[in-house]
Amino acid sequence: MGGWNYYPRETNLHCTVSRLAILLLLITAGGCDAQSTLPPAVTEPSGLCFSADGGGLYTVSDATNQVFLLSLTGEVLNTQDYTGSDLEGVVFDPSNSSLLVVEERTRENDRLTLSGDELSRHAVDKPEGVAIAADGRIYVVSDANCRFHVFEVDS
């Protein structure tokens, strides 16, 4: 992969993804009702994104350092162990069918294959969440001074 060009941005942005937010997304996706709960294996979920086909959801656990693929009804379809600590966000990158995860403790953004192999790492200050725009720019929200970081990835 090529280099990343960094463009810092200031914002008054606050984002929290919790079990309730995940359940609300599952409900709106038509997958479960308000009485549904996530499986016990999915502890302290952070971040949420759709899979490539839209038929599943990825989330990470900052308690177990695992990446989960969930069905739209909340069933665990796949679990990947991750070497690291304090995962805070995940997003699917359609440009190369990979996942980006952010680690708060090590202050890094890590690109993974769908099978969990590491492709690259980049430093980012206190990441809490990650998203990818249609133009390929990567946005990482940080709790450091209410900032978000913008990266352009060189091909």
C-alpha atoms as a PDB file:
ATOM      1  CA  MET A   1       0.000   0.000   0.000  1.00  0.00           C
ATOM      2  CA  GLY A   2       1.142   3.542  -0.646  1.00  0.00           C
ATOM      3  CA  GLY A   3       1.591   6.285   1.900  1.00  0.00           C
ATOM      4  CA  TRP A   4      -1.045   8.140   3.832  1.00  0.00           C
ATOM      5  CA  ASN A   5      -1.337  11.922   3.629  1.00  0.00           C
ATOM      6  CA  TYR A   6      -2.633  13.406   6.867  1.00  0.00           C
ATOM      7  CA  TYR A   7      -5.023  16.372   7.120  1.00  0.00           C
ATOM      8  CA  PRO A   8      -5.963  17.232  10.752  1.00  0.00           C
ATOM      9  CA  ARG A   9      -9.387  18.780  11.360  1.00  0.00           C
ATOM     10  CA  GLU A  10     -10.847  20.286  14.534  1.00  0.00           C
ATOM     11  CA  THR A  11     -14.443  19.613  15.458  1.00  0.00           C
ATOM     12  CA  ASN A  12     -16.718  19.481  18.452  1.00  0.00           C
ATOM     13  CA  LEU A  13     -17.524  15.820  17.798  1.00  0.00           C
ATOM     14  CA  HIS A  14     -18.573  13.270  20.390  1.00  0.00           C
ATOM     15  CA  CYS A  15     -19.382   9.674  19.462  1.00  0.00           C
ATOM     16  CA  THR A  16     -20.376   6.711  21.605  1.00  0.00           C
ATOM     17  CA  VAL A  17     -21.300   3.286  20.258  1.00  0.00           C
ATOM     18  CA  SER A  18     -22.736   0.939  22.848  1.00  0.00           C
ATOM     19  CA  ARG A  19     -24.728  -2.259  23.025  1.00  0.00           C
ATOM     20  CA  LEU A  20     -27.864  -0.130  22.756  1.00  0.00           C
ATOM     21  CA  ALA A  21     -26.652   1.547  19.555  1.00  0.00           C
ATOM     22  CA  ILE A  22     -25.799  -1.817  18.019  1.00  0.00           C
ATOM     23  CA  LEU A  23     -29.200  -3.192  18.950  1.00  0.00           C
ATOM     24  CA  LEU A  24     -30.917  -0.112  17.503  1.00  0.00           C
ATOM     25  CA  LEU A  25     -29.052  -0.608  14.226  1.00  0.00           C
ATOM     26  CA  LEU A  26     -30.027  -4.283  14.183  1.00  0.00           C
ATOM     27  CA  ILE A  27     -33.658  -3.332  14.801  1.00  0.00           C
ATOM     28  CA  THR A  28     -33.690  -0.749  12.001  1.00  0.00           C
ATOM     29  CA  ALA A  29     -32.022  -3.262   9.681  1.00  0.00           C
ATOM     30  CA  GLY A  30     -35.028  -5.506  10.328  1.00  0.00           C
ATOM     31  CA  GLY A  31     -33.010  -8.200  11.999  1.00  0.00           C
ATOM     32  CA  CYS A  32     -34.237  -8.335  15.567  1.00  0.00           C
ATOM     33  CA  ASP A  33     -36.728  -6.873  17.981  1.00  0.00           C
ATOM     34  CA  ALA A  34     -36.214  -4.639  20.991  1.00  0.00           C
ATOM     35  CA  GLN A  35     -35.931  -7.682  23.278  1.00  0.00           C
ATOM     36  CA  SER A  36     -32.856  -9.078  21.474  1.00  0.00           C
ATOM     37  CA  THR A  37     -29.425  -9.056  23.063  1.00  0.00           C
ATOM     38  CA  LEU A  38     -25.935  -9.655  21.772  1.00  0.00           C
ATOM     39  CA  PRO A  39     -24.304 -13.015  22.550  1.00  0.00           C
ATOM     40  CA  PRO A  40     -22.223 -13.118  25.777  1.00  0.00           C
ATOM     41  CA  ALA A  41     -19.032 -13.486  23.675  1.00  0.00           C
ATOM     42  CA  VAL A  42     -19.472  -9.929  22.379  1.00  0.00           C
ATOM     43  CA  THR A  43     -18.384  -7.970  25.436  1.00  0.00           C
ATOM     44  CA  GLU A  44     -17.742  -4.226  25.363  1.00  0.00           C
ATOM     45  CA  PRO A  45     -18.478  -3.793  21.646  1.00  0.00           C
ATOM     46  CA  SER A  46     -17.003  -0.711  20.024  1.00  0.00           C
ATOM     47  CA  GLY A  47     -17.594   0.457  16.485  1.00  0.00           C
ATOM     48  CA  LEU A  48     -20.002  -0.973  13.975  1.00  0.00           C
ATOM     49  CA  CYS A  49     -20.046  -1.240  10.193  1.00  0.00           C
ATOM     50  CA  PHE A  50     -21.723  -3.266   7.487  1.00  0.00           C
ATOM     51  CA  SER A  51     -19.941  -6.118   5.730  1.00  0.00           C
ATOM     52  CA  ALA A  52     -19.214  -5.974   1.987  1.00  0.00           C
ATOM     53  CA  ASP A  53     -22.559  -7.474   0.993  1.00  0.00           C
ATOM     54  CA  GLY A  54     -24.554  -5.588   3.638  1.00  0.00           C
ATOM     55  CA  GLY A  55     -25.730  -8.886   5.093  1.00  0.00           C
ATOM     56  CA  GLY A  56     -23.589  -8.695   8.218  1.00  0.00           C
ATOM     57  CA  LEU A  57     -22.072  -6.283  10.700  1.00  0.00           C
ATOM     58  CA  TYR A  58     -18.518  -6.010  12.002  1.00  0.00           C
ATOM     59  CA  THR A  59     -17.828  -4.883  15.550  1.00  0.00           C
ATOM     60  CA  VAL A  60     -14.772  -5.058  17.799  1.00  0.00           C
ATOM     61  CA  SER A  61     -14.400  -5.762  21.505  1.00  0.00           C
ATOM     62  CA  ASP A  62     -12.035  -3.650  23.526  1.00  0.00           C
ATOM     63  CA  ALA A  63     -12.362  -6.215  26.336  1.00  0.00           C
ATOM     64  CA  THR A  64     -11.343  -9.328  24.355  1.00  0.00           C
ATOM     65  CA  ASN A  65      -9.382  -7.830  21.423  1.00  0.00           C
ATOM     66  CA  GLN A  66     -11.519  -9.641  18.891  1.00  0.00           C
ATOM     67  CA  VAL A  67     -13.212  -8.672  15.644  1.00  0.00           C
ATOM     68  CA  PHE A  68     -16.716 -10.103  15.263  1.00  0.00           C
ATOM     69  CA  LEU A  69     -18.826 -10.578  12.149  1.00  0.00           C
ATOM     70  CA  LEU A  70     -22.472 -10.592  13.225  1.00  0.00           C
ATOM     71  CA  SER A  71     -25.588 -11.507  11.300  1.00  0.00           C
ATOM     72  CA  LEU A  72     -28.284  -8.842  11.084  1.00  0.00           C
ATOM     73  CA  THR A  73     -30.042 -10.730  13.881  1.00  0.00           C
ATOM     74  CA  GLY A  74     -26.993 -10.445  16.175  1.00  0.00           C
ATOM     75  CA  GLU A  75     -25.677 -14.002  15.794  1.00  0.00           C
ATOM     76  CA  VAL A  76     -21.861 -14.326  15.768  1.00  0.00           C
ATOM     77  CA  LEU A  77     -20.880 -15.614  12.315  1.00  0.00           C
ATOM     78  CA  ASN A  78     -17.112 -15.301  12.674  1.00  0.00           C
ATOM     79  CA  THR A  79     -14.594 -14.245  15.302  1.00  0.00           C
ATOM     80  CA  GLN A  80     -11.025 -13.112  14.620  1.00  0.00           C
ATOM     81  CA  ASP A  81      -8.482 -12.779  17.398  1.00  0.00           C
ATOM     82  CA  TYR A  82      -6.480  -9.567  17.242  1.00  0.00           C
ATOM     83  CA  THR A  83      -3.007  -8.955  18.638  1.00  0.00           C
ATOM     84  CA  GLY A  84      -3.231  -5.584  20.288  1.00  0.00           C
ATOM     85  CA  SER A  85      -5.219  -3.815  22.941  1.00  0.00           C
ATOM     86  CA  ASP A  86      -8.215  -1.551  23.443  1.00  0.00           C
ATOM     87  CA  LEU A  87      -9.948  -1.765  20.059  1.00  0.00           C
ATOM     88  CA  GLU A  88     -12.303   1.182  19.607  1.00  0.00           C
ATOM     89  CA  GLY A  89     -13.599   1.155  16.036  1.00  0.00           C
ATOM     90  CA  VAL A  90     -13.896  -0.811  12.803  1.00  0.00           C
ATOM     91  CA  VAL A  91     -14.839  -0.076   9.204  1.00  0.00           C
ATOM     92  CA  PHE A  92     -14.922  -2.159   6.030  1.00  0.00           C
ATOM     93  CA  ASP A  93     -12.873  -0.714   3.146  1.00  0.00           C
ATOM     94  CA  PRO A  94     -14.517  -1.651  -0.169  1.00  0.00           C
ATOM     95  CA  SER A  95     -11.526  -0.445  -2.207  1.00  0.00           C
ATOM     96  CA  ASN A  96      -9.498  -3.505  -1.215  1.00  0.00           C
ATOM     97  CA  SER A  97     -11.869  -5.664   0.862  1.00  0.00           C
ATOM     98  CA  SER A  98     -10.032  -5.044   4.119  1.00  0.00           C
ATOM     99  CA  LEU A  99     -10.941  -3.863   7.597  1.00  0.00           C
ATOM    100  CA  LEU A 100      -9.558  -0.854   9.403  1.00  0.00           C
ATOM    101  CA  VAL A 101      -9.524  -1.032  13.188  1.00  0.00           C
ATOM    102  CA  VAL A 102      -8.393   1.634  15.629  1.00  0.00           C
ATOM    103  CA  GLU A 103      -6.515   0.911  18.846  1.00  0.00           C
ATOM    104  CA  GLU A 104      -6.804   3.535  21.534  1.00  0.00           C
ATOM    105  CA  ARG A 105      -4.000   2.341  23.827  1.00  0.00           C
ATOM    106  CA  THR A 106      -1.311   2.059  21.125  1.00  0.00           C
ATOM    107  CA  ARG A 107      -2.770   5.021  19.196  1.00  0.00           C
ATOM    108  CA  GLU A 108      -2.808   3.223  15.867  1.00  0.00           C
ATOM    109  CA  ASN A 109      -5.007   2.562  12.877  1.00  0.00           C
ATOM    110  CA  ASP A 110      -4.471  -0.997  11.643  1.00  0.00           C
ATOM    111  CA  ARG A 111      -5.513  -2.410   8.254  1.00  0.00           C
ATOM    112  CA  LEU A 112      -6.425  -6.109   8.326  1.00  0.00           C
ATOM    113  CA  THR A 113      -7.407  -8.716   5.781  1.00  0.00           C
ATOM    114  CA  LEU A 114     -10.855 -10.219   6.342  1.00  0.00           C
ATOM    115  CA  SER A 115      -9.091 -13.261   7.804  1.00  0.00           C
ATOM    116  CA  GLY A 116      -7.337 -11.054  10.398  1.00  0.00           C
ATOM    117  CA  ASP A 117      -3.821 -10.719   8.944  1.00  0.00           C
ATOM    118  CA  GLU A 118      -2.192  -7.317   9.420  1.00  0.00           C
ATOM    119  CA  LEU A 119      -1.478  -5.329   6.249  1.00  0.00           C
ATOM    120  CA  SER A 120      -0.310  -1.998   7.696  1.00  0.00           C
ATOM    121  CA  ARG A 121      -0.314   0.300  10.746  1.00  0.00           C
ATOM    122  CA  HIS A 122      -0.387   4.061  11.052  1.00  0.00           C
ATOM    123  CA  ALA A 123      -0.125   6.283  14.108  1.00  0.00           C
ATOM    124  CA  VAL A 124      -3.117   8.416  15.107  1.00  0.00           C
ATOM    125  CA  ASP A 125      -3.730  10.342  18.340  1.00  0.00           C
ATOM    126  CA  LYS A 126      -6.222   8.670  20.757  1.00  0.00           C
ATOM    127  CA  PRO A 127      -8.542   7.084  18.160  1.00  0.00           C
ATOM    128  CA  GLU A 128     -12.137   6.292  19.109  1.00  0.00           C
ATOM    129  CA  GLY A 129     -13.781   5.527  15.757  1.00  0.00           C
ATOM    130  CA  VAL A 130     -13.083   5.225  12.045  1.00  0.00           C
ATOM    131  CA  ALA A 131     -15.020   5.721   8.788  1.00  0.00           C
ATOM    132  CA  ILE A 132     -14.218   5.698   5.081  1.00  0.00           C
ATOM    133  CA  ALA A 133     -15.752   8.204   2.669  1.00  0.00           C
ATOM    134  CA  ALA A 134     -16.857   7.338  -0.863  1.00  0.00           C
ATOM    135  CA  ASP A 135     -13.735   9.104  -2.196  1.00  0.00           C
ATOM    136  CA  GLY A 136     -11.495   6.770  -0.143  1.00  0.00           C
ATOM    137  CA  ARG A 137     -10.483   9.261   2.536  1.00  0.00           C
ATOM    138  CA  ILE A 138     -10.185   7.740   5.985  1.00  0.00           C
ATOM    139  CA  TYR A 139     -11.659   9.659   8.925  1.00  0.00           C
ATOM    140  CA  VAL A 140     -10.575   8.821  12.466  1.00  0.00           C
ATOM    141  CA  VAL A 141     -12.319  10.501  15.383  1.00  0.00           C
ATOM    142  CA  SER A 142     -10.163  11.198  18.423  1.00  0.00           C
ATOM    143  CA  ASP A 143     -10.978  12.100  21.984  1.00  0.00           C
ATOM    144  CA  ALA A 144      -7.844  14.263  22.069  1.00  0.00           C
ATOM    145  CA  ASN A 145      -9.110  17.852  21.903  1.00  0.00           C
ATOM    146  CA  CYS A 146     -12.321  16.797  20.075  1.00  0.00           C
ATOM    147  CA  ARG A 147     -10.377  16.249  16.852  1.00  0.00           C
ATOM    148  CA  PHE A 148     -10.824  14.077  13.853  1.00  0.00           C
ATOM    149  CA  HIS A 149      -8.072  13.078  11.481  1.00  0.00           C
ATOM    150  CA  VAL A 150      -8.396  12.807   7.719  1.00  0.00           C
ATOM    151  CA  PHE A 151      -6.088  10.566   5.686  1.00  0.00           C
ATOM    152  CA  GLU A 152      -5.787  10.223   1.935  1.00  0.00           C
ATOM    153  CA  VAL A 153      -4.320   6.892   0.889  1.00  0.00           C
ATOM    154  CA  ASP A 154      -1.920   6.942  -2.066  1.00  0.00           C
ATOM    155  CA  SER A 155      -2.461   4.084  -4.499  1.00  0.00           C
END
